[in-house]
Protein backbone atom coordinates (compact mmCIF):
# COMPACT_ATOMS: atom_id res chain seq x y z
CA MET A 1 111.36 104.68 54.82
CA ASN A 2 109.79 102.12 52.49
CA THR A 3 107.67 104.83 50.90
CA ILE A 4 110.74 106.89 50.09
CA ILE A 5 112.40 103.89 48.44
CA LEU A 6 109.30 103.09 46.40
CA VAL A 7 108.88 106.69 45.22
CA THR A 8 112.57 106.84 44.31
CA LEU A 9 112.28 103.63 42.27
CA LEU A 10 109.13 104.90 40.64
CA VAL A 11 110.83 108.09 39.55
CA ALA A 12 114.05 106.33 38.53
CA ILE A 13 112.41 103.57 36.45
CA VAL A 14 108.89 104.48 35.38
CA LEU A 15 109.49 108.11 34.43
CA PRO A 16 112.36 107.43 31.99
CA ALA A 17 110.45 104.49 30.47
CA ALA A 18 107.38 106.64 29.91
CA LEU A 19 109.54 109.34 28.37
CA ILE A 20 111.15 106.85 25.98
CA VAL A 21 107.76 105.52 24.88
CA TYR A 22 106.44 109.05 24.38
CA ARG A 23 109.42 110.09 22.27
CA ALA A 24 109.26 106.92 20.18
CA ASP A 25 105.57 107.52 19.54
CA ARG A 26 106.26 111.08 18.39
CA ARG A 27 109.04 109.92 16.04
CA THR A 28 106.86 107.27 14.43
CA SER A 29 103.57 109.20 14.31
CA HIS A 30 103.87 109.61 10.52
CA ILE A 31 103.99 105.83 10.00
CA PRO A 32 100.52 104.31 9.56
CA ARG A 33 99.60 101.81 12.24
CA VAL A 34 98.71 98.24 11.29
CA PRO A 35 95.09 97.40 12.16
CA PHE A 36 95.24 94.24 14.27
CA GLY A 37 91.74 92.84 14.08
CA PHE A 38 89.90 96.10 13.53
CA GLY A 39 89.22 98.37 10.61
CA ALA A 40 88.58 98.03 6.91
CA ASP A 41 91.93 96.44 6.02
CA ALA A 42 92.08 93.93 8.86
CA ASP A 43 90.52 91.07 6.89
CA ARG A 44 92.75 91.69 3.88
CA ILE A 45 95.88 91.81 6.04
CA HIS A 46 94.85 88.62 7.85
CA ASP A 47 94.29 86.80 4.53
CA GLU A 48 97.68 87.94 3.21
CA LEU A 49 99.43 86.74 6.36
CA VAL A 50 97.72 83.34 6.06
CA VAL A 51 98.87 83.01 2.44
CA LEU A 52 102.43 84.03 3.32
CA ASN A 53 102.50 81.50 6.15
CA LEU A 54 101.30 78.73 3.82
CA ARG A 55 103.93 79.64 1.21
CA ARG A 56 106.63 79.57 3.87
CA ARG A 57 105.57 76.06 4.90
CA ASP A 58 105.57 74.86 1.29
CA CYS A 59 109.11 76.16 0.73
CA ALA A 60 110.55 74.56 3.85
């Protein structure tokens, strides 16, 4: 009985969530992903974020 309940919950919760993530990934596949810590632009993006954070603190 517990197995039936667990399988039902798995199908009712996990399957729709996976479908939503898959569809969202397909809709946004044309948007370039931001390299978080890896890649050629990661250092430049990190430096820009540090500068923006410092400017925000100076303005506050």
